């Protein structure tokens, strides 16, 4: 099949492109190459698979005409391109809206108007649920936990867009879902929790697991916003890509569906009180940090209820937290010189 990946030179996109090329699929990467790691990821793909192994369209999701032209003839659209930092969205809400909300609308219109309607997978976010202030949380020594959600947050949790980022991604989330209902475009929404893994050139505002590893390995300062007891379910990138593959394989059965995708209750960790000991054990030394104020809309806990994905996609995470973080640490150490250049 022919896959079209917006943001295909990014962290998730490059990993998915490599997987698809490995098994002989056709891939078009659509990316404006604005992220620092994009050139490195493209060079890695070309070195591994050859310069002509995939098609590259250097384009922006705000360019509706170029998107429409580029999507013609593809079978699957994987929409990953986004403005991904809450802090940036607060500082530049118009930019955030144009990339995330309008950009997603442009992708959907390109798919709707294509002669052959492709499947559309959308990388949404758990931020569409907002701060979830109405959900009871219990504070423990090293973490917070839900008082009454042993399986985590289900897809039926009320939406509550908080922050411009939450609004823009949430608008895209609902548009993607509705294009299946109104226009019959086979779409699937993945409300993703914390995704981490190799080829993630993380910075402070984008991908906390990768950023903490990179900063710890290279000696850069780490700031913890809040008290460090915030809990997240973390998911290694290979497991996320398994979910994408499962959705494409079951595209008729799951068209129009929304899935919470994360590590689930068995792959949770608090962002510093529990992550720090793991990282210090892997690196063999203490890691100094400083603390800052809580960020707007930050959830004390987010754990995905992944039972729907297990039921309808036949999917479960395979890579545990310790194994996944160890893989990421080894990769960052291998590429330390590149991270120190930044």
C-alpha atoms as a PDB file:
ATOM      1  CA  UNK A   1       0.000   0.000   0.000  1.00  0.00           C
ATOM      2  CA  UNK A   2       0.964   3.637  -0.388  1.00  0.00           C
ATOM      3  CA  UNK A   3       1.287   5.484   2.940  1.00  0.00           C
ATOM      4  CA  UNK A   4       1.309   9.272   3.189  1.00  0.00           C
ATOM      5  CA  UNK A   5       2.786  10.520   6.469  1.00  0.00           C
ATOM      6  CA  UNK A   6       2.510  14.154   7.478  1.00  0.00           C
ATOM      7  CA  UNK A   7       5.365  14.960   9.828  1.00  0.00           C
ATOM      8  CA  UNK A   8       7.064  11.885   8.440  1.00  0.00           C
ATOM      9  CA  UNK A   9      10.547  13.184   9.236  1.00  0.00           C
ATOM     10  CA  UNK A  10       9.685  13.509  12.926  1.00  0.00           C
ATOM     11  CA  UNK A  11      10.139  11.048  15.746  1.00  0.00           C
ATOM     12  CA  UNK A  12       7.075   8.846  15.226  1.00  0.00           C
ATOM     13  CA  UNK A  13       6.994   9.428  11.473  1.00  0.00           C
ATOM     14  CA  UNK A  14      10.593   8.349  10.867  1.00  0.00           C
ATOM     15  CA  UNK A  15      10.109   5.206  12.946  1.00  0.00           C
ATOM     16  CA  UNK A  16       6.925   4.339  11.060  1.00  0.00           C
ATOM     17  CA  UNK A  17       8.542   5.073   7.688  1.00  0.00           C
ATOM     18  CA  UNK A  18      11.381   2.695   8.548  1.00  0.00           C
ATOM     19  CA  UNK A  19       8.926  -0.033   9.518  1.00  0.00           C
ATOM     20  CA  UNK A  20       6.873   0.424   6.350  1.00  0.00           C
ATOM     21  CA  UNK A  21       9.892   0.455   4.043  1.00  0.00           C
ATOM     22  CA  UNK A  22      11.280  -2.608   5.793  1.00  0.00           C
ATOM     23  CA  UNK A  23       8.198  -4.575   4.778  1.00  0.00           C
ATOM     24  CA  UNK A  24       8.015  -3.198   1.248  1.00  0.00           C
ATOM     25  CA  UNK A  25       5.305  -0.534   1.452  1.00  0.00           C
ATOM     26  CA  UNK A  26       5.421   2.720  -0.554  1.00  0.00           C
ATOM     27  CA  UNK A  27       5.857   5.854   1.549  1.00  0.00           C
ATOM     28  CA  UNK A  28       5.485   9.567   0.875  1.00  0.00           C
ATOM     29  CA  UNK A  29       6.821  11.822   3.629  1.00  0.00           C
ATOM     30  CA  UNK A  30       5.146  15.237   3.810  1.00  0.00           C
ATOM     31  CA  UNK A  31       7.119  17.507   6.138  1.00  0.00           C
ATOM     32  CA  UNK A  32       8.185  21.153   6.320  1.00  0.00           C
ATOM     33  CA  UNK A  33      11.484  20.044   7.932  1.00  0.00           C
ATOM     34  CA  UNK A  34      11.220  22.715  10.626  1.00  0.00           C
ATOM     35  CA  UNK A  35      12.186  20.435  13.504  1.00  0.00           C
ATOM     36  CA  UNK A  36      15.858  20.142  14.417  1.00  0.00           C
ATOM     37  CA  UNK A  37      15.943  16.359  14.115  1.00  0.00           C
ATOM     38  CA  UNK A  38      14.150  16.141  10.748  1.00  0.00           C
ATOM     39  CA  UNK A  39      17.307  16.308   8.633  1.00  0.00           C
ATOM     40  CA  UNK A  40      18.976  13.685  10.815  1.00  0.00           C
ATOM     41  CA  UNK A  41      16.003  11.356  10.534  1.00  0.00           C
ATOM     42  CA  UNK A  42      15.886  11.730   6.735  1.00  0.00           C
ATOM     43  CA  UNK A  43      19.626  11.062   6.498  1.00  0.00           C
ATOM     44  CA  UNK A  44      19.163   7.935   8.630  1.00  0.00           C
ATOM     45  CA  UNK A  45      16.318   6.685   6.425  1.00  0.00           C
ATOM     46  CA  UNK A  46      18.304   7.299   3.236  1.00  0.00           C
ATOM     47  CA  UNK A  47      21.393   5.631   4.630  1.00  0.00           C
ATOM     48  CA  UNK A  48      19.402   2.616   5.717  1.00  0.00           C
ATOM     49  CA  UNK A  49      17.064   2.182   2.741  1.00  0.00           C
ATOM     50  CA  UNK A  50      18.567   4.209  -0.090  1.00  0.00           C
ATOM     51  CA  UNK A  51      18.117   7.744  -1.366  1.00  0.00           C
ATOM     52  CA  UNK A  52      15.125   6.842  -3.529  1.00  0.00           C
ATOM     53  CA  UNK A  53      13.389   4.510  -1.069  1.00  0.00           C
ATOM     54  CA  UNK A  54      10.661   7.047  -0.293  1.00  0.00           C
ATOM     55  CA  UNK A  55       9.178  10.198  -1.785  1.00  0.00           C
ATOM     56  CA  UNK A  56       9.688  13.469   0.070  1.00  0.00           C
ATOM     57  CA  UNK A  57       7.308  16.407  -0.334  1.00  0.00           C
ATOM     58  CA  UNK A  58       8.669  19.423   1.506  1.00  0.00           C
ATOM     59  CA  UNK A  59       5.374  21.016   2.447  1.00  0.00           C
ATOM     60  CA  UNK A  60       3.331  22.489   5.262  1.00  0.00           C
ATOM     61  CA  UNK A  61      -0.094  21.267   6.401  1.00  0.00           C
ATOM     62  CA  UNK A  62      -1.287  24.878   6.165  1.00  0.00           C
ATOM     63  CA  UNK A  63      -0.858  24.592   2.363  1.00  0.00           C
ATOM     64  CA  UNK A  64      -4.225  23.086   1.396  1.00  0.00           C
ATOM     65  CA  UNK A  65      -3.517  23.012  -2.345  1.00  0.00           C
ATOM     66  CA  UNK A  66      -0.205  21.174  -2.016  1.00  0.00           C
ATOM     67  CA  UNK A  67      -1.754  18.696   0.407  1.00  0.00           C
ATOM     68  CA  UNK A  68      -4.641  17.952  -1.948  1.00  0.00           C
ATOM     69  CA  UNK A  69      -2.258  17.415  -4.845  1.00  0.00           C
ATOM     70  CA  UNK A  70       0.091  15.226  -2.787  1.00  0.00           C
ATOM     71  CA  UNK A  71      -2.575  12.954  -1.275  1.00  0.00           C
ATOM     72  CA  UNK A  72      -3.920  11.782  -4.641  1.00  0.00           C
ATOM     73  CA  UNK A  73      -3.440   8.050  -5.131  1.00  0.00           C
ATOM     74  CA  UNK A  74      -2.457   7.109  -1.568  1.00  0.00           C
ATOM     75  CA  UNK A  75      -4.125   4.381   0.493  1.00  0.00           C
ATOM     76  CA  UNK A  76      -3.368   5.492   4.041  1.00  0.00           C
ATOM     77  CA  UNK A  77      -2.834   8.982   5.485  1.00  0.00           C
ATOM     78  CA  UNK A  78      -1.075   9.095   8.854  1.00  0.00           C
ATOM     79  CA  UNK A  79      -1.460  12.626  10.187  1.00  0.00           C
ATOM     80  CA  UNK A  80       1.350  13.302  12.655  1.00  0.00           C
ATOM     81  CA  UNK A  81       2.381  16.865  11.733  1.00  0.00           C
ATOM     82  CA  UNK A  82       1.593  19.214  14.602  1.00  0.00           C
ATOM     83  CA  UNK A  83       2.630  22.003  16.884  1.00  0.00           C
ATOM     84  CA  UNK A  84       3.187  19.894  19.990  1.00  0.00           C
ATOM     85  CA  UNK A  85       4.155  22.197  22.865  1.00  0.00           C
ATOM     86  CA  UNK A  86       1.585  23.593  25.302  1.00  0.00           C
ATOM     87  CA  UNK A  87       3.960  26.453  26.125  1.00  0.00           C
ATOM     88  CA  UNK A  88       4.259  27.463  22.458  1.00  0.00           C
ATOM     89  CA  UNK A  89       0.485  27.350  22.096  1.00  0.00           C
ATOM     90  CA  UNK A  90       0.088  29.779  24.989  1.00  0.00           C
ATOM     91  CA  UNK A  91       2.675  32.136  23.515  1.00  0.00           C
ATOM     92  CA  UNK A  92       1.505  31.853  19.890  1.00  0.00           C
ATOM     93  CA  UNK A  93      -2.135  30.672  19.844  1.00  0.00           C
ATOM     94  CA  UNK A  94      -2.755  31.676  16.221  1.00  0.00           C
ATOM     95  CA  UNK A  95       0.225  29.650  14.990  1.00  0.00           C
ATOM     96  CA  UNK A  96      -0.931  26.716  17.093  1.00  0.00           C
ATOM     97  CA  UNK A  97      -4.467  26.950  15.682  1.00  0.00           C
ATOM     98  CA  UNK A  98      -3.315  27.213  12.069  1.00  0.00           C
ATOM     99  CA  UNK A  99      -1.041  24.174  12.298  1.00  0.00           C
ATOM    100  CA  UNK A 100      -3.164  21.883  14.469  1.00  0.00           C
ATOM    101  CA  UNK A 101      -6.798  22.782  13.749  1.00  0.00           C
ATOM    102  CA  UNK A 102      -6.647  24.238  10.242  1.00  0.00           C
ATOM    103  CA  UNK A 103      -3.843  21.855   9.230  1.00  0.00           C
ATOM    104  CA  UNK A 104      -5.921  18.843  10.266  1.00  0.00           C
ATOM    105  CA  UNK A 105      -8.942  20.217   8.418  1.00  0.00           C
ATOM    106  CA  UNK A 106      -6.768  20.564   5.294  1.00  0.00           C
ATOM    107  CA  UNK A 107      -5.644  16.945   5.612  1.00  0.00           C
ATOM    108  CA  UNK A 108      -9.241  15.762   5.932  1.00  0.00           C
ATOM    109  CA  UNK A 109     -10.389  17.794   2.949  1.00  0.00           C
ATOM    110  CA  UNK A 110      -7.519  16.431   0.865  1.00  0.00           C
ATOM    111  CA  UNK A 111      -8.601  12.904   1.790  1.00  0.00           C
ATOM    112  CA  UNK A 112     -12.312  13.611   1.171  1.00  0.00           C
ATOM    113  CA  UNK A 113     -11.682  15.101  -2.263  1.00  0.00           C
ATOM    114  CA  UNK A 114      -9.202  12.461  -3.406  1.00  0.00           C
ATOM    115  CA  UNK A 115     -10.447  10.209  -6.247  1.00  0.00           C
ATOM    116  CA  UNK A 116      -9.654   7.190  -4.069  1.00  0.00           C
ATOM    117  CA  UNK A 117     -10.564   7.908  -0.423  1.00  0.00           C
ATOM    118  CA  UNK A 118      -7.704   6.875   1.874  1.00  0.00           C
ATOM    119  CA  UNK A 119      -7.816   5.716   5.481  1.00  0.00           C
ATOM    120  CA  UNK A 120      -6.862   8.588   7.823  1.00  0.00           C
ATOM    121  CA  UNK A 121      -5.125   7.931  11.145  1.00  0.00           C
ATOM    122  CA  UNK A 122      -4.900  10.955  13.447  1.00  0.00           C
ATOM    123  CA  UNK A 123      -2.435  11.383  16.303  1.00  0.00           C
ATOM    124  CA  UNK A 124      -4.547  13.140  18.928  1.00  0.00           C
ATOM    125  CA  UNK A 125      -3.602  13.627  22.575  1.00  0.00           C
ATOM    126  CA  UNK A 126      -4.766  12.910  26.099  1.00  0.00           C
ATOM    127  CA  UNK A 127      -4.826  16.705  26.580  1.00  0.00           C
ATOM    128  CA  UNK A 128      -8.321  16.711  25.037  1.00  0.00           C
ATOM    129  CA  UNK A 129      -9.545  15.583  28.478  1.00  0.00           C
ATOM    130  CA  UNK A 130      -8.173  18.729  30.142  1.00  0.00           C
ATOM    131  CA  UNK A 131      -7.157  18.861  33.795  1.00  0.00           C
ATOM    132  CA  UNK A 132      -9.950  16.418  34.813  1.00  0.00           C
ATOM    133  CA  UNK A 133     -10.471  18.345  38.051  1.00  0.00           C
ATOM    134  CA  UNK A 134     -13.684  16.407  38.718  1.00  0.00           C
ATOM    135  CA  UNK A 135     -11.822  13.064  38.876  1.00  0.00           C
ATOM    136  CA  UNK A 136     -10.772  12.137  42.412  1.00  0.00           C
ATOM    137  CA  UNK A 137      -7.014  11.761  42.860  1.00  0.00           C
ATOM    138  CA  UNK A 138      -5.129  10.292  45.835  1.00  0.00           C
ATOM    139  CA  UNK A 139      -1.646  11.501  46.755  1.00  0.00           C
ATOM    140  CA  UNK A 140       0.893   8.865  47.754  1.00  0.00           C
ATOM    141  CA  UNK A 141       4.568   9.079  48.695  1.00  0.00           C
ATOM    142  CA  UNK A 142       5.984   9.056  45.155  1.00  0.00           C
ATOM    143  CA  UNK A 143       2.913   9.500  42.936  1.00  0.00           C
ATOM    144  CA  UNK A 144      -0.698  10.461  42.460  1.00  0.00           C
ATOM    145  CA  UNK A 145      -3.305   7.863  41.502  1.00  0.00           C
ATOM    146  CA  UNK A 146      -6.951   7.810  40.523  1.00  0.00           C
ATOM    147  CA  UNK A 147      -9.253   7.023  43.417  1.00  0.00           C
ATOM    148  CA  UNK A 148     -11.906   5.340  41.245  1.00  0.00           C
ATOM    149  CA  UNK A 149     -10.433   4.534  37.812  1.00  0.00           C
ATOM    150  CA  UNK A 150      -8.408   1.335  38.252  1.00  0.00           C
ATOM    151  CA  UNK A 151      -8.211   0.781  34.479  1.00  0.00           C
ATOM    152  CA  UNK A 152      -7.446   4.417  33.652  1.00  0.00           C
ATOM    153  CA  UNK A 153      -9.379   6.997  31.626  1.00  0.00           C
ATOM    154  CA  UNK A 154     -11.863   5.578  29.090  1.00  0.00           C
ATOM    155  CA  UNK A 155     -12.801   7.173  25.784  1.00  0.00           C
ATOM    156  CA  UNK A 156     -16.138   8.163  27.357  1.00  0.00           C
ATOM    157  CA  UNK A 157     -14.433  10.650  29.715  1.00  0.00           C
ATOM    158  CA  UNK A 158     -15.916  14.115  28.946  1.00  0.00           C
ATOM    159  CA  UNK A 159     -13.768  16.288  26.716  1.00  0.00           C
ATOM    160  CA  UNK A 160     -12.514  19.506  28.289  1.00  0.00           C
ATOM    161  CA  UNK A 161     -10.035  21.311  26.054  1.00  0.00           C
ATOM    162  CA  UNK A 162      -7.608  23.248  28.280  1.00  0.00           C
ATOM    163  CA  UNK A 163      -4.880  25.481  26.794  1.00  0.00           C
ATOM    164  CA  UNK A 164      -4.744  26.579  23.163  1.00  0.00           C
ATOM    165  CA  UNK A 165      -2.935  23.319  22.389  1.00  0.00           C
ATOM    166  CA  UNK A 166      -5.770  21.294  23.898  1.00  0.00           C
ATOM    167  CA  UNK A 167      -8.279  23.331  21.897  1.00  0.00           C
ATOM    168  CA  UNK A 168      -6.467  23.000  18.576  1.00  0.00           C
ATOM    169  CA  UNK A 169      -5.738  19.295  18.911  1.00  0.00           C
ATOM    170  CA  UNK A 170      -9.235  18.697  20.258  1.00  0.00           C
ATOM    171  CA  UNK A 171     -10.799  20.511  17.314  1.00  0.00           C
ATOM    172  CA  UNK A 172      -8.803  18.279  14.983  1.00  0.00           C
ATOM    173  CA  UNK A 173      -9.808  15.217  17.003  1.00  0.00           C
ATOM    174  CA  UNK A 174     -13.516  15.994  16.586  1.00  0.00           C
ATOM    175  CA  UNK A 175     -13.214  16.926  12.915  1.00  0.00           C
ATOM    176  CA  UNK A 176     -11.454  13.632  12.197  1.00  0.00           C
ATOM    177  CA  UNK A 177     -14.167  11.675  13.970  1.00  0.00           C
ATOM    178  CA  UNK A 178     -16.951  13.584  12.232  1.00  0.00           C
ATOM    179  CA  UNK A 179     -15.541  13.136   8.724  1.00  0.00           C
ATOM    180  CA  UNK A 180     -16.206   9.414   9.166  1.00  0.00           C
ATOM    181  CA  UNK A 181     -19.811  10.098  10.200  1.00  0.00           C
ATOM    182  CA  UNK A 182     -20.687  12.816   7.689  1.00  0.00           C
ATOM    183  CA  UNK A 183     -18.534  12.020   4.647  1.00  0.00           C
ATOM    184  CA  UNK A 184     -17.710   8.338   5.091  1.00  0.00           C
ATOM    185  CA  UNK A 185     -13.951   8.944   5.219  1.00  0.00           C
ATOM    186  CA  UNK A 186     -12.514   5.956   7.134  1.00  0.00           C
ATOM    187  CA  UNK A 187     -10.795   7.732  10.009  1.00  0.00           C
ATOM    188  CA  UNK A 188      -9.346   6.566  13.321  1.00  0.00           C
ATOM    189  CA  UNK A 189      -8.425   8.862  16.219  1.00  0.00           C
ATOM    190  CA  UNK A 190      -5.643   7.864  18.605  1.00  0.00           C
ATOM    191  CA  UNK A 191      -5.645   9.885  21.831  1.00  0.00           C
ATOM    192  CA  UNK A 192      -2.034   9.254  22.614  1.00  0.00           C
ATOM    193  CA  UNK A 193      -0.426   9.352  26.005  1.00  0.00           C
ATOM    194  CA  UNK A 194       3.350   9.805  26.477  1.00  0.00           C
ATOM    195  CA  UNK A 195       5.106   8.209  23.512  1.00  0.00           C
ATOM    196  CA  UNK A 196       8.871   7.789  23.738  1.00  0.00           C
ATOM    197  CA  UNK A 197      11.671   5.945  21.997  1.00  0.00           C
ATOM    198  CA  UNK A 198      14.668   6.117  19.705  1.00  0.00           C
ATOM    199  CA  UNK A 199      15.020   8.896  17.111  1.00  0.00           C
ATOM    200  CA  UNK A 200      13.266  11.293  19.498  1.00  0.00           C
ATOM    201  CA  UNK A 201      15.350  14.470  19.501  1.00  0.00           C
ATOM    202  CA  UNK A 202      13.480  15.785  22.517  1.00  0.00           C
ATOM    203  CA  UNK A 203      13.598  19.285  23.970  1.00  0.00           C
ATOM    204  CA  UNK A 204      12.180  20.505  27.258  1.00  0.00           C
ATOM    205  CA  UNK A 205       8.679  21.275  25.977  1.00  0.00           C
ATOM    206  CA  UNK A 206       8.303  18.249  23.716  1.00  0.00           C
ATOM    207  CA  UNK A 207       8.605  14.678  24.942  1.00  0.00           C
ATOM    208  CA  UNK A 208       9.500  14.659  28.636  1.00  0.00           C
ATOM    209  CA  UNK A 209      10.860  11.108  28.775  1.00  0.00           C
ATOM    210  CA  UNK A 210      13.327  11.740  25.960  1.00  0.00           C
ATOM    211  CA  UNK A 211      14.221  15.186  27.269  1.00  0.00           C
ATOM    212  CA  UNK A 212      15.053  13.918  30.764  1.00  0.00           C
ATOM    213  CA  UNK A 213      17.235  11.166  29.289  1.00  0.00           C
ATOM    214  CA  UNK A 214      19.005  13.541  26.879  1.00  0.00           C
ATOM    215  CA  UNK A 215      19.551  16.173  29.564  1.00  0.00           C
ATOM    216  CA  UNK A 216      20.829  13.629  32.078  1.00  0.00           C
ATOM    217  CA  UNK A 217      23.257  12.059  29.593  1.00  0.00           C
ATOM    218  CA  UNK A 218      24.603  15.401  28.337  1.00  0.00           C
ATOM    219  CA  UNK A 219      24.611  17.261  31.649  1.00  0.00           C
ATOM    220  CA  UNK A 220      21.968  19.840  30.726  1.00  0.00           C
ATOM    221  CA  UNK A 221      19.795  21.338  33.484  1.00  0.00           C
ATOM    222  CA  UNK A 222      16.467  19.649  34.247  1.00  0.00           C
ATOM    223  CA  UNK A 223      13.474  21.551  35.609  1.00  0.00           C
ATOM    224  CA  UNK A 224      10.535  19.698  37.123  1.00  0.00           C
ATOM    225  CA  UNK A 225       7.283  21.662  36.881  1.00  0.00           C
ATOM    226  CA  UNK A 226       5.064  20.770  39.821  1.00  0.00           C
ATOM    227  CA  UNK A 227       6.148  18.305  42.490  1.00  0.00           C
ATOM    228  CA  UNK A 228       7.314  15.456  40.249  1.00  0.00           C
ATOM    229  CA  UNK A 229       4.605  13.091  41.474  1.00  0.00           C
ATOM    230  CA  UNK A 230       2.522  13.522  38.305  1.00  0.00           C
ATOM    231  CA  UNK A 231       1.854  10.083  36.836  1.00  0.00           C
ATOM    232  CA  UNK A 232       1.752   9.169  33.160  1.00  0.00           C
ATOM    233  CA  UNK A 233       1.331   5.921  31.298  1.00  0.00           C
ATOM    234  CA  UNK A 234       4.239   5.753  28.885  1.00  0.00           C
ATOM    235  CA  UNK A 235       4.345   3.834  25.611  1.00  0.00           C
ATOM    236  CA  UNK A 236       7.383   2.828  23.577  1.00  0.00           C
ATOM    237  CA  UNK A 237       7.095   3.945  19.959  1.00  0.00           C
ATOM    238  CA  UNK A 238       7.186   0.413  18.512  1.00  0.00           C
ATOM    239  CA  UNK A 239       4.034  -0.423  20.454  1.00  0.00           C
ATOM    240  CA  UNK A 240       2.282   2.673  19.103  1.00  0.00           C
ATOM    241  CA  UNK A 241       3.146   1.630  15.550  1.00  0.00           C
ATOM    242  CA  UNK A 242       1.640  -1.794  16.238  1.00  0.00           C
ATOM    243  CA  UNK A 243      -1.621   0.026  17.039  1.00  0.00           C
ATOM    244  CA  UNK A 244      -1.430   1.957  13.767  1.00  0.00           C
ATOM    245  CA  UNK A 245      -0.882  -1.275  11.850  1.00  0.00           C
ATOM    246  CA  UNK A 246      -3.801  -2.930  13.636  1.00  0.00           C
ATOM    247  CA  UNK A 247      -6.111  -0.039  12.725  1.00  0.00           C
ATOM    248  CA  UNK A 248      -5.129  -0.170   9.052  1.00  0.00           C
ATOM    249  CA  UNK A 249      -5.651  -3.939   8.999  1.00  0.00           C
ATOM    250  CA  UNK A 250      -9.121  -3.490  10.555  1.00  0.00           C
ATOM    251  CA  UNK A 251      -9.946  -0.217   8.802  1.00  0.00           C
ATOM    252  CA  UNK A 252     -13.510  -1.107   7.854  1.00  0.00           C
ATOM    253  CA  UNK A 253     -14.420  -2.370  11.319  1.00  0.00           C
ATOM    254  CA  UNK A 254     -12.918   0.573  13.244  1.00  0.00           C
ATOM    255  CA  UNK A 255     -13.686   3.493  10.891  1.00  0.00           C
ATOM    256  CA  UNK A 256     -14.899   6.450  12.930  1.00  0.00           C
ATOM    257  CA  UNK A 257     -13.599   5.062  16.212  1.00  0.00           C
ATOM    258  CA  UNK A 258     -11.549   6.781  18.918  1.00  0.00           C
ATOM    259  CA  UNK A 259      -8.930   4.921  20.947  1.00  0.00           C
ATOM    260  CA  UNK A 260      -7.007   5.928  24.047  1.00  0.00           C
ATOM    261  CA  UNK A 261      -3.495   4.652  23.343  1.00  0.00           C
ATOM    262  CA  UNK A 262      -0.824   4.566  26.017  1.00  0.00           C
ATOM    263  CA  UNK A 263       1.044   2.181  28.241  1.00  0.00           C
ATOM    264  CA  UNK A 264      -2.020   1.540  30.373  1.00  0.00           C
ATOM    265  CA  UNK A 265      -2.008   0.836  34.121  1.00  0.00           C
ATOM    266  CA  UNK A 266       0.946  -1.578  33.938  1.00  0.00           C
ATOM    267  CA  UNK A 267       3.255   1.006  32.326  1.00  0.00           C
ATOM    268  CA  UNK A 268       2.889   4.012  34.611  1.00  0.00           C
ATOM    269  CA  UNK A 269       5.588   6.092  36.258  1.00  0.00           C
ATOM    270  CA  UNK A 270       5.695   9.403  38.087  1.00  0.00           C
ATOM    271  CA  UNK A 271       7.596  11.972  36.075  1.00  0.00           C
ATOM    272  CA  UNK A 272      10.402  12.446  38.562  1.00  0.00           C
ATOM    273  CA  UNK A 273       9.892  10.780  41.944  1.00  0.00           C
ATOM    274  CA  UNK A 274       9.913   7.368  40.238  1.00  0.00           C
ATOM    275  CA  UNK A 275      11.580   8.195  36.921  1.00  0.00           C
ATOM    276  CA  UNK A 276      14.672   9.647  38.624  1.00  0.00           C
ATOM    277  CA  UNK A 277      15.638   6.439  40.471  1.00  0.00           C
ATOM    278  CA  UNK A 278      15.236   4.445  37.243  1.00  0.00           C
ATOM    279  CA  UNK A 279      17.359   6.886  35.263  1.00  0.00           C
ATOM    280  CA  UNK A 280      19.983   7.162  38.009  1.00  0.00           C
ATOM    281  CA  UNK A 281      20.251   3.385  38.146  1.00  0.00           C
ATOM    282  CA  UNK A 282      20.750   3.174  34.370  1.00  0.00           C
ATOM    283  CA  UNK A 283      23.364   5.966  34.367  1.00  0.00           C
ATOM    284  CA  UNK A 284      25.039   5.026  37.642  1.00  0.00           C
ATOM    285  CA  UNK A 285      24.938   8.519  39.200  1.00  0.00           C
ATOM    286  CA  UNK A 286      22.695  11.096  40.845  1.00  0.00           C
ATOM    287  CA  UNK A 287      20.933  13.645  38.633  1.00  0.00           C
ATOM    288  CA  UNK A 288      20.457  17.198  39.961  1.00  0.00           C
ATOM    289  CA  UNK A 289      17.171  18.989  39.232  1.00  0.00           C
ATOM    290  CA  UNK A 290      15.396  22.218  40.051  1.00  0.00           C
ATOM    291  CA  UNK A 291      11.661  22.767  40.521  1.00  0.00           C
ATOM    292  CA  UNK A 292       9.277  25.281  38.902  1.00  0.00           C
ATOM    293  CA  UNK A 293       5.577  26.153  39.134  1.00  0.00           C
ATOM    294  CA  UNK A 294       2.864  23.851  37.830  1.00  0.00           C
ATOM    295  CA  UNK A 295       2.007  24.354  34.164  1.00  0.00           C
ATOM    296  CA  UNK A 296      -1.545  25.277  33.081  1.00  0.00           C
ATOM    297  CA  UNK A 297      -3.744  22.262  32.413  1.00  0.00           C
ATOM    298  CA  UNK A 298      -1.190  19.790  33.753  1.00  0.00           C
ATOM    299  CA  UNK A 299      -2.912  16.618  34.893  1.00  0.00           C
ATOM    300  CA  UNK A 300      -1.782  15.133  38.215  1.00  0.00           C
ATOM    301  CA  UNK A 301      -2.526  11.744  36.707  1.00  0.00           C
ATOM    302  CA  UNK A 302      -3.171  10.504  33.242  1.00  0.00           C
ATOM    303  CA  UNK A 303      -3.446   6.788  32.625  1.00  0.00           C
ATOM    304  CA  UNK A 304      -5.133   5.477  29.499  1.00  0.00           C
ATOM    305  CA  UNK A 305      -7.798   2.804  29.719  1.00  0.00           C
ATOM    306  CA  UNK A 306      -6.622   0.698  26.786  1.00  0.00           C
ATOM    307  CA  UNK A 307      -9.236  -2.054  27.006  1.00  0.00           C
ATOM    308  CA  UNK A 308     -11.117  -0.800  23.935  1.00  0.00           C
ATOM    309  CA  UNK A 309      -7.934  -1.021  21.850  1.00  0.00           C
ATOM    310  CA  UNK A 310      -7.337  -4.518  23.204  1.00  0.00           C
ATOM    311  CA  UNK A 311     -10.892  -5.522  22.291  1.00  0.00           C
ATOM    312  CA  UNK A 312     -11.248  -3.921  18.874  1.00  0.00           C
ATOM    313  CA  UNK A 313      -7.658  -3.828  17.624  1.00  0.00           C
ATOM    314  CA  UNK A 314      -6.299  -6.934  19.323  1.00  0.00           C
ATOM    315  CA  UNK A 315      -3.526  -4.706  20.677  1.00  0.00           C
ATOM    316  CA  UNK A 316      -1.480  -4.650  23.866  1.00  0.00           C
ATOM    317  CA  UNK A 317       1.817  -2.918  24.765  1.00  0.00           C
ATOM    318  CA  UNK A 318       4.778  -5.276  24.704  1.00  0.00           C
ATOM    319  CA  UNK A 319       7.684  -3.086  25.862  1.00  0.00           C
ATOM    320  CA  UNK A 320       7.789  -2.399  29.603  1.00  0.00           C
ATOM    321  CA  UNK A 321       8.945   0.890  31.104  1.00  0.00           C
ATOM    322  CA  UNK A 322      12.382  -0.290  32.257  1.00  0.00           C
ATOM    323  CA  UNK A 323      13.159  -2.008  28.963  1.00  0.00           C
ATOM    324  CA  UNK A 324      11.983   0.949  26.896  1.00  0.00           C
ATOM    325  CA  UNK A 325      13.872   3.562  28.907  1.00  0.00           C
ATOM    326  CA  UNK A 326      17.009   1.407  28.825  1.00  0.00           C
ATOM    327  CA  UNK A 327      16.762   1.267  25.010  1.00  0.00           C
ATOM    328  CA  UNK A 328      16.351   5.034  24.840  1.00  0.00           C
ATOM    329  CA  UNK A 329      19.302   5.652  27.178  1.00  0.00           C
ATOM    330  CA  UNK A 330      21.528   3.408  25.051  1.00  0.00           C
ATOM    331  CA  UNK A 331      20.493   5.244  21.870  1.00  0.00           C
ATOM    332  CA  UNK A 332      21.095   8.695  23.382  1.00  0.00           C
ATOM    333  CA  UNK A 333      24.502   7.600  24.662  1.00  0.00           C
ATOM    334  CA  UNK A 334      25.370   6.285  21.197  1.00  0.00           C
ATOM    335  CA  UNK A 335      24.449   9.658  19.658  1.00  0.00           C
ATOM    336  CA  UNK A 336      25.671  11.853  22.510  1.00  0.00           C
ATOM    337  CA  UNK A 337      27.883  14.020  20.298  1.00  0.00           C
ATOM    338  CA  UNK A 338      24.870  15.067  18.201  1.00  0.00           C
ATOM    339  CA  UNK A 339      22.853  16.033  21.270  1.00  0.00           C
ATOM    340  CA  UNK A 340      25.734  18.097  22.643  1.00  0.00           C
ATOM    341  CA  UNK A 341      25.770  20.145  19.425  1.00  0.00           C
ATOM    342  CA  UNK A 342      22.258  21.456  20.119  1.00  0.00           C
END
